[in-house]
């Protein structure tokens, strides 16, 4: 796996099996994962078409999974714990169910990349554990909501790698790694965006 930022876009390259809750998401083999910073006033009417045009402009060949955020890529948090690398951009413009002070950055996007092989259950479970960790981070920071209306998660693993991971609940070793890295990055990301705004 390699990752870099190009034209306000985090790009992660490798041969992955992945699941995404984001735009054009689902489950399948992908060679690219990306998280792109949109500009203020972004038109949300056709996000899937925008994502496809963006991939073409960045010369990112299909198949891929992509996410969109208003968070500045300078505020990206990357945290590695052994075989797990977690990428988070965190903004809280549109909290789910509650109101919070206005800011310019929105969406909490989480990408988990595993240097190991995940069972189908572990892939799905990792989304749950990452989402729980995101909510925990927000509560620990004193907020009264568990996410924003546009949050997304991608879980990807490198094909034919080890260890083999069967479960991803928060009580497992893998789940503990997810919780630790996501909490750390959500808190760091929000502090960065609040400082910027």
N, C-alpha and C. Protein backbone atom coordinates (compact mmCIF):
# COMPACT_ATOMS: atom_id res chain seq x y z
N UNK A 1 0.83 -1.19 0.00
CA UNK A 1 0.00 0.00 0.00
C UNK A 1 0.86 1.25 0.00
N UNK A 2 0.51 2.20 -0.84
CA UNK A 2 1.12 3.52 -0.77
C UNK A 2 0.00 4.54 -0.68
N UNK A 3 0.28 5.66 -0.04
CA UNK A 3 -0.71 6.74 0.02
C UNK A 3 -0.01 8.08 -0.13
N UNK A 4 -0.74 9.02 -0.72
CA UNK A 4 -0.20 10.36 -0.95
C UNK A 4 -1.36 11.32 -1.17
N UNK A 5 -1.06 12.61 -1.14
CA UNK A 5 -2.07 13.62 -1.39
C UNK A 5 -1.74 14.32 -2.70
N UNK A 6 -2.74 14.41 -3.58
CA UNK A 6 -2.60 15.06 -4.88
C UNK A 6 -3.86 15.87 -5.15
N UNK A 7 -3.69 17.14 -5.46
CA UNK A 7 -4.83 18.01 -5.79
C UNK A 7 -5.94 17.90 -4.74
N UNK A 8 -5.56 18.11 -3.48
CA UNK A 8 -6.51 18.09 -2.35
C UNK A 8 -7.23 16.74 -2.21
N UNK A 9 -6.54 15.68 -2.59
CA UNK A 9 -7.14 14.34 -2.54
C UNK A 9 -6.16 13.35 -1.92
N UNK A 10 -6.61 12.67 -0.86
CA UNK A 10 -5.86 11.53 -0.34
C UNK A 10 -6.09 10.36 -1.27
N UNK A 11 -5.00 9.78 -1.77
CA UNK A 11 -5.09 8.63 -2.67
C UNK A 11 -4.33 7.47 -2.04
N UNK A 12 -4.99 6.32 -1.97
CA UNK A 12 -4.38 5.11 -1.41
C UNK A 12 -4.40 4.05 -2.50
N UNK A 13 -3.23 3.51 -2.83
CA UNK A 13 -3.12 2.56 -3.92
C UNK A 13 -2.73 1.18 -3.41
N UNK A 14 -3.29 0.16 -4.01
CA UNK A 14 -2.99 -1.23 -3.65
C UNK A 14 -4.01 -2.15 -4.28
N UNK A 15 -3.87 -3.43 -4.03
CA UNK A 15 -4.87 -4.40 -4.48
C UNK A 15 -5.71 -4.78 -3.26
N UNK A 16 -6.92 -4.26 -3.22
CA UNK A 16 -7.74 -4.39 -2.02
C UNK A 16 -9.04 -5.14 -2.28
N UNK A 17 -9.49 -5.85 -1.26
CA UNK A 17 -10.89 -6.22 -1.13
C UNK A 17 -11.46 -5.19 -0.16
N UNK A 18 -12.59 -4.60 -0.49
CA UNK A 18 -13.06 -3.48 0.32
C UNK A 18 -14.58 -3.41 0.36
N UNK A 19 -15.06 -2.69 1.36
CA UNK A 19 -16.47 -2.37 1.50
C UNK A 19 -16.56 -0.89 1.83
N UNK A 20 -17.52 -0.20 1.20
CA UNK A 20 -17.65 1.24 1.39
C UNK A 20 -19.11 1.61 1.61
N UNK A 21 -19.34 2.50 2.57
CA UNK A 21 -20.68 3.04 2.79
C UNK A 21 -20.86 4.36 2.05
N UNK A 22 -19.86 4.77 1.28
CA UNK A 22 -19.88 6.07 0.63
C UNK A 22 -20.53 6.06 -0.74
N UNK A 23 -20.30 7.13 -1.48
CA UNK A 23 -20.85 7.30 -2.83
C UNK A 23 -20.33 6.18 -3.72
N UNK A 24 -21.21 5.59 -4.55
CA UNK A 24 -20.83 4.46 -5.40
C UNK A 24 -20.21 3.34 -4.59
N UNK A 25 -20.66 3.20 -3.36
CA UNK A 25 -20.07 2.21 -2.46
C UNK A 25 -20.57 0.80 -2.72
N UNK A 26 -20.31 -0.07 -1.77
CA UNK A 26 -20.67 -1.47 -1.91
C UNK A 26 -19.52 -2.35 -1.47
N UNK A 27 -19.40 -3.50 -2.10
CA UNK A 27 -18.38 -4.49 -1.74
C UNK A 27 -17.71 -5.01 -3.01
N UNK A 28 -16.37 -5.04 -3.02
CA UNK A 28 -15.70 -5.59 -4.19
C UNK A 28 -14.20 -5.34 -4.18
N UNK A 29 -13.56 -5.73 -5.29
CA UNK A 29 -12.13 -5.51 -5.47
C UNK A 29 -11.92 -4.11 -6.01
N UNK A 30 -10.99 -3.37 -5.40
CA UNK A 30 -10.64 -2.03 -5.88
C UNK A 30 -9.13 -1.86 -5.84
N UNK A 31 -8.63 -1.01 -6.72
CA UNK A 31 -7.19 -0.71 -6.75
C UNK A 31 -6.86 0.66 -6.19
N UNK A 32 -7.89 1.48 -5.97
CA UNK A 32 -7.68 2.83 -5.45
C UNK A 32 -8.77 3.14 -4.42
N UNK A 33 -8.36 3.83 -3.36
CA UNK A 33 -9.27 4.44 -2.40
C UNK A 33 -8.91 5.91 -2.37
N UNK A 34 -9.90 6.79 -2.31
CA UNK A 34 -9.54 8.19 -2.19
C UNK A 34 -10.58 8.98 -1.41
N UNK A 35 -10.13 10.11 -0.87
CA UNK A 35 -10.95 11.03 -0.09
C UNK A 35 -10.61 12.42 -0.59
N UNK A 36 -11.58 13.08 -1.22
CA UNK A 36 -11.33 14.35 -1.90
C UNK A 36 -11.96 15.52 -1.16
N UNK A 37 -11.20 16.60 -1.05
CA UNK A 37 -11.69 17.83 -0.44
C UNK A 37 -12.43 18.67 -1.47
N UNK A 38 -13.73 18.87 -1.25
CA UNK A 38 -14.51 19.73 -2.14
C UNK A 38 -14.42 21.17 -1.64
N UNK A 39 -14.76 22.09 -2.53
CA UNK A 39 -14.68 23.51 -2.21
C UNK A 39 -15.99 23.99 -1.57
N UNK A 40 -15.94 25.11 -0.84
CA UNK A 40 -17.18 25.67 -0.28
C UNK A 40 -18.21 25.92 -1.38
N UNK A 41 -19.46 25.68 -1.08
CA UNK A 41 -20.51 25.85 -2.08
C UNK A 41 -20.66 24.68 -3.01
N UNK A 42 -20.04 23.55 -2.67
CA UNK A 42 -20.13 22.35 -3.51
C UNK A 42 -21.58 21.95 -3.73
N UNK A 43 -21.94 21.65 -4.98
CA UNK A 43 -23.28 21.23 -5.34
C UNK A 43 -23.42 19.73 -5.09
N UNK A 44 -24.26 19.35 -4.15
CA UNK A 44 -24.42 17.95 -3.76
C UNK A 44 -25.43 17.20 -4.62
N UNK A 45 -25.93 17.83 -5.68
CA UNK A 45 -27.04 17.26 -6.44
C UNK A 45 -26.66 15.96 -7.14
N UNK A 46 -25.45 15.87 -7.69
CA UNK A 46 -25.02 14.67 -8.41
C UNK A 46 -23.63 14.22 -7.92
N UNK A 47 -23.53 13.80 -6.67
CA UNK A 47 -22.21 13.45 -6.14
C UNK A 47 -21.55 12.28 -6.85
N UNK A 48 -22.33 11.30 -7.31
CA UNK A 48 -21.73 10.14 -7.98
C UNK A 48 -21.07 10.55 -9.29
N UNK A 49 -21.74 11.40 -10.05
CA UNK A 49 -21.17 11.88 -11.32
C UNK A 49 -19.94 12.73 -11.05
N UNK A 50 -20.01 13.55 -10.01
CA UNK A 50 -18.84 14.37 -9.65
C UNK A 50 -17.66 13.49 -9.30
N UNK A 51 -17.91 12.43 -8.55
CA UNK A 51 -16.84 11.52 -8.14
C UNK A 51 -16.20 10.86 -9.36
N UNK A 52 -17.01 10.45 -10.32
CA UNK A 52 -16.47 9.83 -11.53
C UNK A 52 -15.63 10.81 -12.34
N UNK A 53 -16.10 12.04 -12.48
CA UNK A 53 -15.33 13.06 -13.21
C UNK A 53 -14.03 13.36 -12.48
N UNK A 54 -14.09 13.41 -11.16
CA UNK A 54 -12.89 13.66 -10.37
C UNK A 54 -11.86 12.56 -10.58
N UNK A 55 -12.30 11.31 -10.53
CA UNK A 55 -11.38 10.19 -10.73
C UNK A 55 -10.73 10.28 -12.10
N UNK A 56 -11.50 10.63 -13.11
CA UNK A 56 -10.94 10.78 -14.46
C UNK A 56 -9.90 11.89 -14.49
N UNK A 57 -10.19 13.01 -13.83
CA UNK A 57 -9.25 14.14 -13.84
C UNK A 57 -7.96 13.80 -13.10
N UNK A 58 -8.05 12.93 -12.11
CA UNK A 58 -6.87 12.50 -11.35
C UNK A 58 -6.20 11.29 -11.98
N UNK A 59 -6.76 10.81 -13.08
CA UNK A 59 -6.26 9.64 -13.79
C UNK A 59 -6.24 8.41 -12.88
N UNK A 60 -7.33 8.25 -12.13
CA UNK A 60 -7.49 7.09 -11.26
C UNK A 60 -8.36 6.08 -11.98
N UNK A 61 -7.77 4.99 -12.37
CA UNK A 61 -8.50 3.98 -13.12
C UNK A 61 -9.44 3.20 -12.22
N UNK A 62 -10.56 2.78 -12.78
CA UNK A 62 -11.50 1.93 -12.06
C UNK A 62 -10.93 0.52 -11.94
N UNK A 63 -11.31 -0.23 -10.93
CA UNK A 63 -12.31 0.06 -9.90
C UNK A 63 -11.72 0.84 -8.72
N UNK A 64 -12.56 1.65 -8.08
CA UNK A 64 -12.13 2.44 -6.93
C UNK A 64 -13.32 2.69 -6.02
N UNK A 65 -13.02 3.10 -4.80
CA UNK A 65 -14.02 3.65 -3.89
C UNK A 65 -13.55 5.05 -3.51
N UNK A 66 -14.45 6.02 -3.55
CA UNK A 66 -14.09 7.38 -3.23
C UNK A 66 -15.05 8.03 -2.25
N UNK A 67 -14.54 9.02 -1.53
CA UNK A 67 -15.32 9.79 -0.57
C UNK A 67 -15.10 11.27 -0.83
N UNK A 68 -16.05 12.08 -0.37
CA UNK A 68 -15.95 13.53 -0.48
C UNK A 68 -16.05 14.16 0.90
N UNK A 69 -15.32 15.25 1.09
CA UNK A 69 -15.33 15.95 2.38
C UNK A 69 -15.06 17.43 2.14
N UNK A 70 -15.51 18.27 3.07
CA UNK A 70 -15.15 19.68 3.04
C UNK A 70 -13.93 19.97 3.92
N UNK A 71 -13.41 18.94 4.57
CA UNK A 71 -12.26 19.11 5.47
C UNK A 71 -10.98 19.30 4.67
N UNK A 72 -10.17 20.25 5.08
CA UNK A 72 -8.89 20.51 4.44
C UNK A 72 -7.98 19.29 4.59
N UNK A 73 -7.34 18.87 3.50
CA UNK A 73 -6.47 17.69 3.57
C UNK A 73 -5.23 17.92 4.43
N UNK A 74 -4.92 19.17 4.75
CA UNK A 74 -3.84 19.43 5.70
C UNK A 74 -4.21 18.94 7.09
N UNK A 75 -5.50 18.73 7.32
CA UNK A 75 -5.98 18.28 8.62
C UNK A 75 -6.23 16.78 8.68
N UNK A 76 -5.81 16.06 7.65
CA UNK A 76 -5.91 14.61 7.63
C UNK A 76 -5.11 14.02 8.80
N UNK A 77 -5.70 13.03 9.47
CA UNK A 77 -4.98 12.27 10.50
C UNK A 77 -4.74 10.86 10.00
N UNK A 78 -3.51 10.39 10.13
CA UNK A 78 -3.14 9.02 9.77
C UNK A 78 -2.54 8.37 11.01
N UNK A 79 -3.07 7.21 11.39
CA UNK A 79 -2.59 6.51 12.58
C UNK A 79 -2.40 5.04 12.25
N UNK A 80 -1.23 4.50 12.60
CA UNK A 80 -0.93 3.10 12.33
C UNK A 80 -0.73 2.34 13.63
N UNK A 81 -1.35 1.19 13.73
CA UNK A 81 -1.17 0.28 14.85
C UNK A 81 -0.94 -1.11 14.28
N UNK A 82 0.33 -1.51 14.19
CA UNK A 82 0.69 -2.83 13.68
C UNK A 82 0.19 -2.99 12.25
N UNK A 83 -0.79 -3.86 12.00
CA UNK A 83 -1.25 -4.17 10.65
C UNK A 83 -2.41 -3.28 10.19
N UNK A 84 -2.82 -2.31 11.01
CA UNK A 84 -3.94 -1.43 10.68
C UNK A 84 -3.46 0.01 10.48
N UNK A 85 -3.84 0.61 9.36
CA UNK A 85 -3.61 2.03 9.14
C UNK A 85 -4.96 2.71 8.97
N UNK A 86 -5.18 3.76 9.75
CA UNK A 86 -6.45 4.47 9.77
C UNK A 86 -6.25 5.89 9.26
N UNK A 87 -7.14 6.29 8.33
CA UNK A 87 -7.11 7.64 7.76
C UNK A 87 -8.44 8.31 8.11
N UNK A 88 -8.38 9.50 8.70
CA UNK A 88 -9.61 10.20 9.10
C UNK A 88 -9.53 11.67 8.72
N UNK A 89 -10.62 12.17 8.13
CA UNK A 89 -10.86 13.61 8.05
C UNK A 89 -12.11 13.88 8.86
N UNK A 90 -12.05 14.88 9.73
CA UNK A 90 -13.15 15.06 10.69
C UNK A 90 -13.59 16.51 10.76
N UNK A 91 -14.83 16.75 10.37
CA UNK A 91 -15.49 18.04 10.53
C UNK A 91 -16.90 17.80 11.03
N UNK A 92 -17.50 18.80 11.65
CA UNK A 92 -18.80 18.58 12.31
C UNK A 92 -19.80 19.67 11.97
N UNK A 93 -19.88 20.05 10.70
CA UNK A 93 -20.83 21.09 10.30
C UNK A 93 -22.27 20.67 10.50
N UNK A 94 -22.62 19.44 10.11
CA UNK A 94 -24.02 19.00 10.12
C UNK A 94 -24.18 17.78 11.01
N UNK A 95 -24.23 17.99 12.34
CA UNK A 95 -24.37 16.85 13.24
C UNK A 95 -25.70 16.15 13.03
N UNK A 96 -25.70 14.85 13.22
CA UNK A 96 -26.92 14.07 13.03
C UNK A 96 -27.82 14.21 14.26
N UNK A 97 -28.98 14.83 14.06
CA UNK A 97 -29.97 14.90 15.12
C UNK A 97 -29.83 16.07 16.07
N UNK A 98 -28.70 16.76 16.06
CA UNK A 98 -28.51 17.86 16.99
C UNK A 98 -27.86 19.04 16.26
N UNK A 99 -27.94 20.21 16.86
CA UNK A 99 -27.30 21.40 16.29
C UNK A 99 -26.00 21.68 17.03
N UNK A 100 -25.07 22.26 16.33
CA UNK A 100 -23.78 22.63 16.93
C UNK A 100 -23.34 23.91 16.27
N UNK A 101 -22.37 24.59 16.84
CA UNK A 101 -21.93 25.87 16.26
C UNK A 101 -21.49 25.67 14.82
N UNK A 102 -21.73 26.68 14.00
CA UNK A 102 -21.37 26.60 12.59
C UNK A 102 -19.86 26.57 12.40
N UNK A 103 -19.43 25.83 11.39
CA UNK A 103 -18.02 25.82 11.00
C UNK A 103 -17.98 25.56 9.51
N UNK A 104 -16.81 25.67 8.91
CA UNK A 104 -16.69 25.52 7.47
C UNK A 104 -16.43 24.08 7.06
N UNK A 105 -16.05 23.24 7.98
CA UNK A 105 -15.67 21.87 7.62
C UNK A 105 -16.74 20.89 8.06
N UNK A 106 -17.05 19.91 7.20
CA UNK A 106 -18.05 18.93 7.55
C UNK A 106 -17.67 17.53 7.12
N UNK A 107 -18.35 16.55 7.70
CA UNK A 107 -18.20 15.13 7.40
C UNK A 107 -17.04 14.50 8.16
N UNK A 108 -17.29 13.32 8.70
CA UNK A 108 -16.23 12.51 9.29
C UNK A 108 -16.08 11.28 8.41
N UNK A 109 -15.01 11.24 7.65
CA UNK A 109 -14.72 10.09 6.79
C UNK A 109 -13.62 9.25 7.42
N UNK A 110 -13.84 7.94 7.43
CA UNK A 110 -12.88 7.01 8.03
C UNK A 110 -12.53 5.95 6.99
N UNK A 111 -11.24 5.75 6.77
CA UNK A 111 -10.76 4.69 5.90
C UNK A 111 -9.83 3.79 6.71
N UNK A 112 -10.17 2.51 6.80
CA UNK A 112 -9.33 1.53 7.48
C UNK A 112 -8.68 0.64 6.44
N UNK A 113 -7.35 0.55 6.47
CA UNK A 113 -6.62 -0.32 5.55
C UNK A 113 -5.86 -1.35 6.38
N UNK A 114 -6.12 -2.62 6.10
CA UNK A 114 -5.58 -3.70 6.92
C UNK A 114 -4.57 -4.50 6.11
N UNK A 115 -3.39 -4.67 6.67
CA UNK A 115 -2.39 -5.56 6.08
C UNK A 115 -2.62 -6.95 6.66
N UNK A 116 -3.70 -7.55 6.23
CA UNK A 116 -4.14 -8.85 6.70
C UNK A 116 -5.37 -9.22 5.90
N UNK A 117 -5.93 -10.38 6.15
CA UNK A 117 -7.11 -10.83 5.42
C UNK A 117 -8.30 -10.85 6.36
N UNK A 118 -9.39 -10.21 5.96
CA UNK A 118 -10.58 -10.13 6.78
C UNK A 118 -11.66 -11.10 6.28
N UNK A 119 -12.34 -11.73 7.23
CA UNK A 119 -13.53 -12.48 6.86
C UNK A 119 -14.61 -11.50 6.43
N UNK A 120 -15.66 -12.02 5.78
CA UNK A 120 -16.77 -11.15 5.40
C UNK A 120 -17.38 -10.50 6.64
N UNK A 121 -17.51 -11.27 7.71
CA UNK A 121 -18.07 -10.73 8.94
C UNK A 121 -17.20 -9.64 9.54
N UNK A 122 -15.88 -9.83 9.48
CA UNK A 122 -14.97 -8.83 10.04
C UNK A 122 -15.03 -7.53 9.25
N UNK A 123 -15.22 -7.63 7.93
CA UNK A 123 -15.34 -6.41 7.14
C UNK A 123 -16.56 -5.60 7.58
N UNK A 124 -17.69 -6.28 7.70
CA UNK A 124 -18.91 -5.59 8.13
C UNK A 124 -18.78 -5.11 9.58
N UNK A 125 -18.21 -5.97 10.43
CA UNK A 125 -18.06 -5.61 11.83
C UNK A 125 -17.14 -4.43 12.04
N UNK A 126 -16.14 -4.28 11.18
CA UNK A 126 -15.21 -3.16 11.31
C UNK A 126 -15.92 -1.83 11.10
N UNK A 127 -16.93 -1.81 10.22
CA UNK A 127 -17.70 -0.58 10.04
C UNK A 127 -18.43 -0.22 11.34
N UNK A 128 -19.01 -1.23 11.98
CA UNK A 128 -19.71 -0.98 13.24
C UNK A 128 -18.74 -0.47 14.30
N UNK A 129 -17.61 -1.14 14.45
CA UNK A 129 -16.65 -0.75 15.49
C UNK A 129 -16.09 0.64 15.22
N UNK A 130 -15.80 0.96 13.96
CA UNK A 130 -15.29 2.30 13.64
C UNK A 130 -16.35 3.36 13.92
N UNK A 131 -17.60 3.06 13.63
CA UNK A 131 -18.68 4.02 13.89
C UNK A 131 -18.88 4.23 15.39
N UNK A 132 -18.81 3.14 16.15
CA UNK A 132 -18.90 3.26 17.61
C UNK A 132 -17.75 4.11 18.15
N UNK A 133 -16.55 3.90 17.60
CA UNK A 133 -15.37 4.66 18.06
C UNK A 133 -15.51 6.14 17.72
N UNK A 134 -16.05 6.43 16.56
CA UNK A 134 -16.30 7.83 16.18
C UNK A 134 -17.24 8.49 17.19
N UNK A 135 -18.33 7.79 17.53
CA UNK A 135 -19.26 8.32 18.51
C UNK A 135 -18.62 8.51 19.87
N UNK A 136 -17.79 7.55 20.28
CA UNK A 136 -17.08 7.65 21.55
C UNK A 136 -16.18 8.88 21.58
N UNK A 137 -15.46 9.12 20.49
CA UNK A 137 -14.58 10.29 20.43
C UNK A 137 -15.37 11.58 20.58
N UNK A 138 -16.51 11.67 19.91
CA UNK A 138 -17.33 12.88 20.00
C UNK A 138 -17.86 13.08 21.42
N UNK A 139 -18.30 11.99 22.05
CA UNK A 139 -18.79 12.10 23.43
C UNK A 139 -17.67 12.53 24.36
N UNK A 140 -16.49 11.94 24.19
CA UNK A 140 -15.35 12.30 25.05
C UNK A 140 -14.97 13.76 24.88
N UNK A 141 -15.24 14.33 23.70
CA UNK A 141 -14.93 15.74 23.47
C UNK A 141 -16.04 16.66 23.93
N UNK A 142 -17.13 16.09 24.46
CA UNK A 142 -18.19 16.90 25.02
C UNK A 142 -19.35 17.20 24.08
N UNK A 143 -19.36 16.58 22.91
CA UNK A 143 -20.47 16.81 21.98
C UNK A 143 -21.65 15.91 22.34
N UNK A 144 -22.85 16.31 21.89
CA UNK A 144 -24.04 15.53 22.20
C UNK A 144 -24.63 14.89 20.95
N UNK A 145 -23.77 14.51 20.02
CA UNK A 145 -24.20 13.79 18.82
C UNK A 145 -23.13 12.76 18.47
N UNK A 146 -23.48 11.80 17.63
CA UNK A 146 -22.60 10.67 17.35
C UNK A 146 -21.98 10.69 15.97
N UNK A 147 -22.29 11.71 15.18
CA UNK A 147 -21.74 11.80 13.83
C UNK A 147 -22.38 12.93 13.08
N UNK A 148 -22.11 13.01 11.78
CA UNK A 148 -22.74 14.01 10.94
C UNK A 148 -23.59 13.31 9.88
N UNK A 149 -24.36 14.08 9.15
CA UNK A 149 -25.32 13.50 8.21
C UNK A 149 -24.66 12.92 6.96
N UNK A 150 -23.37 13.17 6.75
CA UNK A 150 -22.71 12.71 5.52
C UNK A 150 -21.50 11.83 5.79
N UNK A 151 -21.38 11.27 6.98
CA UNK A 151 -20.23 10.43 7.33
C UNK A 151 -20.18 9.16 6.48
N UNK A 152 -18.96 8.66 6.26
CA UNK A 152 -18.79 7.42 5.50
C UNK A 152 -17.59 6.65 6.03
N UNK A 153 -17.60 5.34 5.78
CA UNK A 153 -16.51 4.46 6.21
C UNK A 153 -16.14 3.54 5.05
N UNK A 154 -14.84 3.37 4.84
CA UNK A 154 -14.31 2.34 3.94
C UNK A 154 -13.43 1.41 4.75
N UNK A 155 -13.63 0.12 4.57
CA UNK A 155 -12.76 -0.90 5.17
C UNK A 155 -12.14 -1.69 4.03
N UNK A 156 -10.81 -1.77 4.01
CA UNK A 156 -10.13 -2.46 2.92
C UNK A 156 -9.01 -3.32 3.48
N UNK A 157 -8.79 -4.46 2.83
CA UNK A 157 -7.64 -5.28 3.22
C UNK A 157 -6.86 -5.69 1.99
N UNK A 158 -5.57 -5.90 2.19
CA UNK A 158 -4.69 -6.30 1.11
C UNK A 158 -4.87 -7.78 0.84
N UNK A 159 -5.12 -8.12 -0.40
CA UNK A 159 -5.38 -9.51 -0.75
C UNK A 159 -4.15 -10.39 -0.47
N UNK A 160 -4.41 -11.62 -0.01
CA UNK A 160 -3.38 -12.64 0.21
C UNK A 160 -2.36 -12.21 1.25
N UNK A 161 -2.80 -11.48 2.27
CA UNK A 161 -1.88 -11.06 3.33
C UNK A 161 -2.32 -11.69 4.64
N UNK A 162 -1.44 -11.63 5.62
CA UNK A 162 -1.75 -12.20 6.92
C UNK A 162 -1.51 -11.14 7.99
N UNK A 163 -2.14 -11.23 9.16
CA UNK A 163 -2.89 -12.37 9.69
C UNK A 163 -4.30 -12.47 9.12
N UNK A 164 -4.92 -13.62 9.35
CA UNK A 164 -6.33 -13.78 9.01
C UNK A 164 -7.15 -13.34 10.22
N UNK A 165 -8.12 -12.46 9.97
CA UNK A 165 -8.91 -11.88 11.06
C UNK A 165 -10.37 -12.26 10.87
N UNK A 166 -10.91 -12.97 11.86
CA UNK A 166 -12.28 -13.50 11.75
C UNK A 166 -13.32 -12.51 12.27
N UNK A 167 -12.97 -11.76 13.33
CA UNK A 167 -13.94 -10.89 13.98
C UNK A 167 -13.38 -9.48 14.18
N UNK A 168 -14.30 -8.50 14.29
CA UNK A 168 -13.86 -7.10 14.43
C UNK A 168 -14.59 -6.38 15.54
N UNK A 169 -15.23 -7.11 16.43
CA UNK A 169 -15.91 -6.47 17.55
C UNK A 169 -14.93 -5.72 18.44
N UNK A 170 -15.45 -4.79 19.22
CA UNK A 170 -14.57 -3.93 20.02
C UNK A 170 -13.79 -4.68 21.08
N UNK A 171 -14.20 -5.93 21.40
CA UNK A 171 -13.50 -6.71 22.42
C UNK A 171 -12.32 -7.49 21.83
N UNK A 172 -12.24 -7.59 20.51
CA UNK A 172 -11.14 -8.32 19.87
C UNK A 172 -9.91 -7.45 19.75
N UNK A 173 -8.77 -8.07 19.46
CA UNK A 173 -7.53 -7.30 19.26
C UNK A 173 -7.69 -6.33 18.09
N UNK A 174 -8.26 -6.81 17.00
CA UNK A 174 -8.47 -5.95 15.83
C UNK A 174 -9.42 -4.80 16.17
N UNK A 175 -10.50 -5.12 16.88
CA UNK A 175 -11.44 -4.08 17.28
C UNK A 175 -10.81 -3.04 18.18
N UNK A 176 -9.94 -3.47 19.07
CA UNK A 176 -9.25 -2.52 19.95
C UNK A 176 -8.36 -1.58 19.14
N UNK A 177 -7.72 -2.12 18.10
CA UNK A 177 -6.89 -1.28 17.24
C UNK A 177 -7.75 -0.26 16.49
N UNK A 178 -8.90 -0.71 15.99
CA UNK A 178 -9.81 0.21 15.31
C UNK A 178 -10.24 1.32 16.26
N UNK A 179 -10.70 0.93 17.43
CA UNK A 179 -11.17 1.91 18.41
C UNK A 179 -10.09 2.92 18.75
N UNK A 180 -8.89 2.43 19.05
CA UNK A 180 -7.81 3.33 19.44
C UNK A 180 -7.44 4.32 18.36
N UNK A 181 -7.27 3.84 17.12
CA UNK A 181 -6.83 4.73 16.04
C UNK A 181 -7.94 5.69 15.62
N UNK A 182 -9.19 5.20 15.59
CA UNK A 182 -10.29 6.08 15.18
C UNK A 182 -10.53 7.17 16.22
N UNK A 183 -10.58 6.81 17.50
CA UNK A 183 -10.77 7.82 18.54
C UNK A 183 -9.66 8.87 18.46
N UNK A 184 -8.43 8.41 18.36
CA UNK A 184 -7.30 9.34 18.30
C UNK A 184 -7.43 10.29 17.10
N UNK A 185 -7.76 9.75 15.95
CA UNK A 185 -7.80 10.57 14.74
C UNK A 185 -9.03 11.47 14.68
N UNK A 186 -10.17 11.01 15.14
CA UNK A 186 -11.35 11.89 15.15
C UNK A 186 -11.09 13.08 16.07
N UNK A 187 -10.56 12.82 17.25
CA UNK A 187 -10.28 13.91 18.18
C UNK A 187 -9.24 14.87 17.61
N UNK A 188 -8.17 14.32 17.03
CA UNK A 188 -7.13 15.17 16.44
C UNK A 188 -7.68 15.96 15.26
N UNK A 189 -8.45 15.31 14.41
CA UNK A 189 -9.01 15.97 13.24
C UNK A 189 -9.92 17.11 13.60
N UNK A 190 -10.80 16.91 14.59
CA UNK A 190 -11.72 17.97 15.00
C UNK A 190 -10.95 19.14 15.60
N UNK A 191 -9.94 18.84 16.42
CA UNK A 191 -9.13 19.93 16.99
C UNK A 191 -8.47 20.74 15.89
N UNK A 192 -7.97 20.07 14.86
CA UNK A 192 -7.33 20.79 13.75
C UNK A 192 -8.31 21.67 13.00
N UNK A 193 -9.49 21.14 12.69
CA UNK A 193 -10.46 21.93 11.93
C UNK A 193 -11.01 23.08 12.76
N UNK A 194 -11.19 22.86 14.07
CA UNK A 194 -11.67 23.94 14.92
C UNK A 194 -10.63 25.05 15.02
N UNK A 195 -9.36 24.66 15.09
CA UNK A 195 -8.29 25.66 15.16
C UNK A 195 -8.22 26.45 13.86
N UNK A 196 -8.42 25.78 12.73
CA UNK A 196 -8.38 26.44 11.43
C UNK A 196 -9.53 27.43 11.29
N UNK A 197 -10.70 27.06 11.83
CA UNK A 197 -11.88 27.91 11.69
C UNK A 197 -11.99 28.96 12.78
